[in-house]
Amino acid sequence: MNREEYRQLCKHYSPYSGQCYKKSIITGVANNAHINMSCDGKCARMSNYDKKNTVVIYGNRRTNN
C-alpha cells in the first residue's frame, strides 16, 4: 500500500474534499462558520507510516531507502 492509499483510509480523511476532519476547526456557533484544513500528511498516522516504511524526508522531498 502506498502513502496516498494509506492516507485515504484514515477515519478523519474526507474523500470528497481531501480535508482532514481532525484538523478542521469549527468557529462561530451562531453563524455556523468553519475552517476546512486540507490533509497535509503531518499527523501521527502518517508519521507512523513513514517510520514503518523507512521513508526519509529531505526538505520537501520524500525518498525510500
PDB file of N, CA and C in Angstrom:
ATOM      1  N   MET A   1       0.851  -1.170   0.000  1.00  0.00           N
ATOM      2  CA  MET A   1       0.000   0.000   0.000  1.00  0.00           C
ATOM      3  C   MET A   1       0.903   1.240   0.000  1.00  0.00           C
ATOM      4  N   ASN A   2       0.623   2.154  -0.910  1.00  0.00           N
ATOM      5  CA  ASN A   2       1.445   3.349  -0.955  1.00  0.00           C
ATOM      6  C   ASN A   2       0.926   4.395   0.032  1.00  0.00           C
ATOM      7  N   ARG A   3       1.650   5.498   0.132  1.00  0.00           N
ATOM      8  CA  ARG A   3       1.355   6.529   1.122  1.00  0.00           C
ATOM      9  C   ARG A   3      -0.015   7.174   0.902  1.00  0.00           C
ATOM     10  N   GLU A   4      -0.373   7.431  -0.337  1.00  0.00           N
ATOM     11  CA  GLU A   4      -1.657   8.078  -0.636  1.00  0.00           C
ATOM     12  C   GLU A   4      -2.832   7.165  -0.285  1.00  0.00           C
ATOM     13  N   GLU A   5      -2.727   5.881  -0.570  1.00  0.00           N
ATOM     14  CA  GLU A   5      -3.788   4.945  -0.211  1.00  0.00           C
ATOM     15  C   GLU A   5      -3.943   4.856   1.301  1.00  0.00           C
ATOM     16  N   TYR A   6      -2.814   4.849   2.009  1.00  0.00           N
ATOM     17  CA  TYR A   6      -2.840   4.788   3.467  1.00  0.00           C
ATOM     18  C   TYR A   6      -3.506   6.039   4.039  1.00  0.00           C
ATOM     19  N   ARG A   7      -3.212   7.189   3.460  1.00  0.00           N
ATOM     20  CA  ARG A   7      -3.817   8.454   3.897  1.00  0.00           C
ATOM     21  C   ARG A   7      -5.325   8.431   3.689  1.00  0.00           C
ATOM     22  N   GLN A   8      -5.782   7.882   2.577  1.00  0.00           N
ATOM     23  CA  GLN A   8      -7.208   7.865   2.264  1.00  0.00           C
ATOM     24  C   GLN A   8      -8.000   6.911   3.148  1.00  0.00           C
ATOM     25  N   LEU A   9      -7.343   5.970   3.800  1.00  0.00           N
ATOM     26  CA  LEU A   9      -8.022   5.044   4.706  1.00  0.00           C
ATOM     27  C   LEU A   9      -8.192   5.608   6.116  1.00  0.00           C
ATOM     28  N   CYS A  10      -7.645   6.773   6.375  1.00  0.00           N
ATOM     29  CA  CYS A  10      -7.759   7.409   7.693  1.00  0.00           C
ATOM     30  C   CYS A  10      -9.217   7.767   7.962  1.00  0.00           C
ATOM     31  N   LYS A  11      -9.656   7.559   9.197  1.00  0.00           N
ATOM     32  CA  LYS A  11     -11.059   7.846   9.528  1.00  0.00           C
ATOM     33  C   LYS A  11     -11.354   9.340   9.547  1.00  0.00           C
ATOM     34  N   HIS A  12     -10.334  10.189   9.594  1.00  0.00           N
ATOM     35  CA  HIS A  12     -10.530  11.633   9.609  1.00  0.00           C
ATOM     36  C   HIS A  12     -10.427  12.258   8.218  1.00  0.00           C
ATOM     37  N   TYR A  13     -10.116  11.461   7.215  1.00  0.00           N
ATOM     38  CA  TYR A  13      -9.929  11.969   5.851  1.00  0.00           C
ATOM     39  C   TYR A  13     -11.254  11.993   5.099  1.00  0.00           C
ATOM     40  N   SER A  14     -11.521  13.080   4.397  1.00  0.00           N
ATOM     41  CA  SER A  14     -12.730  13.193   3.590  1.00  0.00           C
ATOM     42  C   SER A  14     -12.385  12.928   2.133  1.00  0.00           C
ATOM     43  N   PRO A  15     -12.924  11.871   1.533  1.00  0.00           N
ATOM     44  CA  PRO A  15     -12.609  11.585   0.129  1.00  0.00           C
ATOM     45  C   PRO A  15     -13.238  12.593  -0.834  1.00  0.00           C
ATOM     46  N   TYR A  16     -14.238  13.307  -0.387  1.00  0.00           N
ATOM     47  CA  TYR A  16     -14.922  14.263  -1.260  1.00  0.00           C
ATOM     48  C   TYR A  16     -14.134  15.548  -1.446  1.00  0.00           C
ATOM     49  N   SER A  17     -13.554  16.049  -0.356  1.00  0.00           N
ATOM     50  CA  SER A  17     -12.863  17.336  -0.425  1.00  0.00           C
ATOM     51  C   SER A  17     -11.371  17.235  -0.138  1.00  0.00           C
ATOM     52  N   GLY A  18     -10.892  16.095   0.347  1.00  0.00           N
ATOM     53  CA  GLY A  18      -9.487  15.942   0.679  1.00  0.00           C
ATOM     54  C   GLY A  18      -9.107  16.627   1.979  1.00  0.00           C
ATOM     55  N   GLN A  19     -10.100  16.992   2.776  1.00  0.00           N
ATOM     56  CA  GLN A  19      -9.803  17.676   4.028  1.00  0.00           C
ATOM     57  C   GLN A  19      -9.668  16.691   5.173  1.00  0.00           C
ATOM     58  N   CYS A  20      -9.006  17.145   6.205  1.00  0.00           N
ATOM     59  CA  CYS A  20      -8.839  16.355   7.417  1.00  0.00           C
ATOM     60  C   CYS A  20      -9.840  16.857   8.445  1.00  0.00           C
ATOM     61  N   TYR A  21     -10.782  16.010   8.839  1.00  0.00           N
ATOM     62  CA  TYR A  21     -11.781  16.431   9.816  1.00  0.00           C
ATOM     63  C   TYR A  21     -11.175  16.661  11.191  1.00  0.00           C
ATOM     64  N   LYS A  22     -10.075  15.991  11.496  1.00  0.00           N
ATOM     65  CA  LYS A  22      -9.436  16.166  12.795  1.00  0.00           C
ATOM     66  C   LYS A  22      -8.804  17.552  12.914  1.00  0.00           C
ATOM     67  N   LYS A  23      -8.276  18.073  11.810  1.00  0.00           N
ATOM     68  CA  LYS A  23      -7.629  19.379  11.828  1.00  0.00           C
ATOM     69  C   LYS A  23      -8.585  20.515  11.494  1.00  0.00           C
ATOM     70  N   SER A  24      -9.787  20.196  11.043  1.00  0.00           N
ATOM     71  CA  SER A  24     -10.760  21.235  10.737  1.00  0.00           C
ATOM     72  C   SER A  24     -11.270  21.843  12.040  1.00  0.00           C
ATOM     73  N   ILE A  25     -11.478  23.139  12.010  1.00  0.00           N
ATOM     74  CA  ILE A  25     -11.881  23.866  13.200  1.00  0.00           C
ATOM     75  C   ILE A  25     -13.267  24.451  12.974  1.00  0.00           C
ATOM     76  N   ILE A  26     -14.161  24.241  13.925  1.00  0.00           N
ATOM     77  CA  ILE A  26     -15.487  24.832  13.843  1.00  0.00           C
ATOM     78  C   ILE A  26     -15.469  26.114  14.664  1.00  0.00           C
ATOM     79  N   THR A  27     -15.794  27.215  14.032  1.00  0.00           N
ATOM     80  CA  THR A  27     -15.839  28.508  14.708  1.00  0.00           C
ATOM     81  C   THR A  27     -17.187  29.154  14.492  1.00  0.00           C
ATOM     82  N   GLY A  28     -17.579  29.984  15.400  1.00  0.00           N
ATOM     83  CA  GLY A  28     -18.824  30.735  15.251  1.00  0.00           C
ATOM     84  C   GLY A  28     -20.046  29.860  15.361  1.00  0.00           C
ATOM     85  N   VAL A  29     -20.506  29.592  16.553  1.00  0.00           N
ATOM     86  CA  VAL A  29     -21.662  28.723  16.760  1.00  0.00           C
ATOM     87  C   VAL A  29     -22.925  29.335  16.160  1.00  0.00           C
ATOM     88  N   ALA A  30     -23.110  30.625  16.302  1.00  0.00           N
ATOM     89  CA  ALA A  30     -24.337  31.271  15.836  1.00  0.00           C
ATOM     90  C   ALA A  30     -24.446  31.269  14.311  1.00  0.00           C
ATOM     91  N   ASN A  31     -23.329  31.513  13.621  1.00  0.00           N
ATOM     92  CA  ASN A  31     -23.403  31.592  12.162  1.00  0.00           C
ATOM     93  C   ASN A  31     -22.867  30.339  11.465  1.00  0.00           C
ATOM     94  N   ASN A  32     -22.485  29.320  12.215  1.00  0.00           N
ATOM     95  CA  ASN A  32     -22.022  28.037  11.698  1.00  0.00           C
ATOM     96  C   ASN A  32     -20.858  28.155  10.711  1.00  0.00           C
ATOM     97  N   ALA A  33     -19.986  29.104  10.904  1.00  0.00           N
ATOM     98  CA  ALA A  33     -18.800  29.233  10.053  1.00  0.00           C
ATOM     99  C   ALA A  33     -17.760  28.229  10.523  1.00  0.00           C
ATOM    100  N   HIS A  34     -17.027  27.658   9.614  1.00  0.00           N
ATOM    101  CA  HIS A  34     -15.974  26.723   9.982  1.00  0.00           C
ATOM    102  C   HIS A  34     -14.803  26.840   9.012  1.00  0.00           C
ATOM    103  N   ILE A  35     -13.655  26.347   9.454  1.00  0.00           N
ATOM    104  CA  ILE A  35     -12.433  26.381   8.653  1.00  0.00           C
ATOM    105  C   ILE A  35     -12.095  24.966   8.226  1.00  0.00           C
ATOM    106  N   ASN A  36     -11.927  24.741   6.950  1.00  0.00           N
ATOM    107  CA  ASN A  36     -11.549  23.433   6.432  1.00  0.00           C
ATOM    108  C   ASN A  36     -10.036  23.377   6.258  1.00  0.00           C
ATOM    109  N   MET A  37      -9.412  22.390   6.848  1.00  0.00           N
ATOM    110  CA  MET A  37      -7.970  22.200   6.722  1.00  0.00           C
ATOM    111  C   MET A  37      -7.727  20.972   5.851  1.00  0.00           C
ATOM    112  N   SER A  38      -6.976  21.151   4.789  1.00  0.00           N
ATOM    113  CA  SER A  38      -6.685  20.018   3.920  1.00  0.00           C
ATOM    114  C   SER A  38      -5.675  19.095   4.595  1.00  0.00           C
ATOM    115  N   CYS A  39      -5.680  17.857   4.191  1.00  0.00           N
ATOM    116  CA  CYS A  39      -4.771  16.857   4.752  1.00  0.00           C
ATOM    117  C   CYS A  39      -3.351  17.158   4.280  1.00  0.00           C
ATOM    118  N   ASP A  40      -2.453  17.447   5.224  1.00  0.00           N
ATOM    119  CA  ASP A  40      -1.074  17.755   4.868  1.00  0.00           C
ATOM    120  C   ASP A  40      -0.131  16.573   5.104  1.00  0.00           C
ATOM    121  N   GLY A  41      -0.636  15.498   5.696  1.00  0.00           N
ATOM    122  CA  GLY A  41       0.193  14.314   5.926  1.00  0.00           C
ATOM    123  C   GLY A  41       1.177  14.470   7.065  1.00  0.00           C
ATOM    124  N   LYS A  42       0.977  15.440   7.943  1.00  0.00           N
ATOM    125  CA  LYS A  42       1.892  15.673   9.055  1.00  0.00           C
ATOM    126  C   LYS A  42       1.225  15.336  10.381  1.00  0.00           C
ATOM    127  N   CYS A  43       0.576  14.194  10.432  1.00  0.00           N
ATOM    128  CA  CYS A  43      -0.091  13.751  11.656  1.00  0.00           C
ATOM    129  C   CYS A  43       0.593  12.487  12.173  1.00  0.00           C
ATOM    130  N   ALA A  44       0.151  12.016  13.317  1.00  0.00           N
ATOM    131  CA  ALA A  44       0.751  10.822  13.919  1.00  0.00           C
ATOM    132  C   ALA A  44       0.575   9.591  13.028  1.00  0.00           C
ATOM    133  N   ARG A  45      -0.565   9.473  12.371  1.00  0.00           N
ATOM    134  CA  ARG A  45      -0.824   8.319  11.487  1.00  0.00           C
ATOM    135  C   ARG A  45       0.195   8.257  10.357  1.00  0.00           C
ATOM    136  N   MET A  46       0.437   9.387   9.705  1.00  0.00           N
ATOM    137  CA  MET A  46       1.367   9.405   8.587  1.00  0.00           C
ATOM    138  C   MET A  46       2.824   9.297   9.067  1.00  0.00           C
ATOM    139  N   SER A  47       3.120   9.800  10.245  1.00  0.00           N
ATOM    140  CA  SER A  47       4.465   9.640  10.811  1.00  0.00           C
ATOM    141  C   SER A  47       4.754   8.165  11.066  1.00  0.00           C
ATOM    142  N   ASN A  48       3.751   7.440  11.573  1.00  0.00           N
ATOM    143  CA  ASN A  48       3.913   6.003  11.797  1.00  0.00           C
ATOM    144  C   ASN A  48       4.134   5.270  10.476  1.00  0.00           C
ATOM    145  N   TYR A  49       3.411   5.661   9.440  1.00  0.00           N
ATOM    146  CA  TYR A  49       3.598   5.047   8.122  1.00  0.00           C
ATOM    147  C   TYR A  49       5.027   5.278   7.630  1.00  0.00           C
ATOM    148  N   ASP A  50       5.519   6.499   7.793  1.00  0.00           N
ATOM    149  CA  ASP A  50       6.872   6.827   7.350  1.00  0.00           C
ATOM    150  C   ASP A  50       7.917   5.999   8.098  1.00  0.00           C
ATOM    151  N   LYS A  51       7.710   5.797   9.406  1.00  0.00           N
ATOM    152  CA  LYS A  51       8.653   5.008  10.196  1.00  0.00           C
ATOM    153  C   LYS A  51       8.638   3.534   9.780  1.00  0.00           C
ATOM    154  N   LYS A  52       7.456   2.991   9.549  1.00  0.00           N
ATOM    155  CA  LYS A  52       7.323   1.577   9.169  1.00  0.00           C
ATOM    156  C   LYS A  52       7.881   1.304   7.779  1.00  0.00           C
ATOM    157  N   ASN A  53       7.786   2.265   6.892  1.00  0.00           N
ATOM    158  CA  ASN A  53       8.218   2.072   5.512  1.00  0.00           C
ATOM    159  C   ASN A  53       9.544   2.758   5.212  1.00  0.00           C
ATOM    160  N   THR A  54      10.272   3.137   6.248  1.00  0.00           N
ATOM    161  CA  THR A  54      11.594   3.757   6.150  1.00  0.00           C
ATOM    162  C   THR A  54      11.651   4.872   5.117  1.00  0.00           C
ATOM    163  N   VAL A  55      10.750   5.815   5.262  1.00  0.00           N
ATOM    164  CA  VAL A  55      10.746   6.982   4.397  1.00  0.00           C
ATOM    165  C   VAL A  55      11.590   8.051   5.070  1.00  0.00           C
ATOM    166  N   VAL A  56      12.591   8.523   4.366  1.00  0.00           N
ATOM    167  CA  VAL A  56      13.454   9.578   4.874  1.00  0.00           C
ATOM    168  C   VAL A  56      13.077  10.866   4.169  1.00  0.00           C
ATOM    169  N   ILE A  57      12.880  11.919   4.943  1.00  0.00           N
ATOM    170  CA  ILE A  57      12.431  13.183   4.364  1.00  0.00           C
ATOM    171  C   ILE A  57      13.604  14.148   4.295  1.00  0.00           C
ATOM    172  N   TYR A  58      13.913  14.619   3.081  1.00  0.00           N
ATOM    173  CA  TYR A  58      14.942  15.616   2.842  1.00  0.00           C
ATOM    174  C   TYR A  58      14.268  16.862   2.305  1.00  0.00           C
ATOM    175  N   GLY A  59      14.155  17.893   3.124  1.00  0.00           N
ATOM    176  CA  GLY A  59      13.459  19.107   2.684  1.00  0.00           C
ATOM    177  C   GLY A  59      11.995  18.806   2.459  1.00  0.00           C
ATOM    178  N   ASN A  60      11.515  19.019   1.261  1.00  0.00           N
ATOM    179  CA  ASN A  60      10.119  18.731   0.927  1.00  0.00           C
ATOM    180  C   ASN A  60       9.982  17.460   0.103  1.00  0.00           C
ATOM    181  N   ARG A  61      11.071  16.732  -0.111  1.00  0.00           N
ATOM    182  CA  ARG A  61      11.057  15.558  -0.969  1.00  0.00           C
ATOM    183  C   ARG A  61      11.139  14.293  -0.118  1.00  0.00           C
ATOM    184  N   ARG A  62      10.327  13.303  -0.417  1.00  0.00           N
ATOM    185  CA  ARG A  62      10.365  12.025   0.294  1.00  0.00           C
ATOM    186  C   ARG A  62      11.037  10.981  -0.582  1.00  0.00           C
ATOM    187  N   THR A  63      11.966  10.247   0.000  1.00  0.00           N
ATOM    188  CA  THR A  63      12.628   9.178  -0.740  1.00  0.00           C
ATOM    189  C   THR A  63      12.628   7.918   0.100  1.00  0.00           C
ATOM    190  N   ASN A  64      12.468   6.783  -0.526  1.00  0.00           N
ATOM    191  CA  ASN A  64      12.535   5.486   0.157  1.00  0.00           C
ATOM    192  C   ASN A  64      13.969   5.006   0.156  1.00  0.00           C
ATOM    193  N   ASN A  65      14.410   4.463   1.291  1.00  0.00           N
ATOM    194  CA  ASN A  65      15.768   3.889   1.395  1.00  0.00           C
ATOM    195  C   ASN A  65      15.676   2.391   1.501  1.00  0.00           C
TER     196      ASN A  65
END
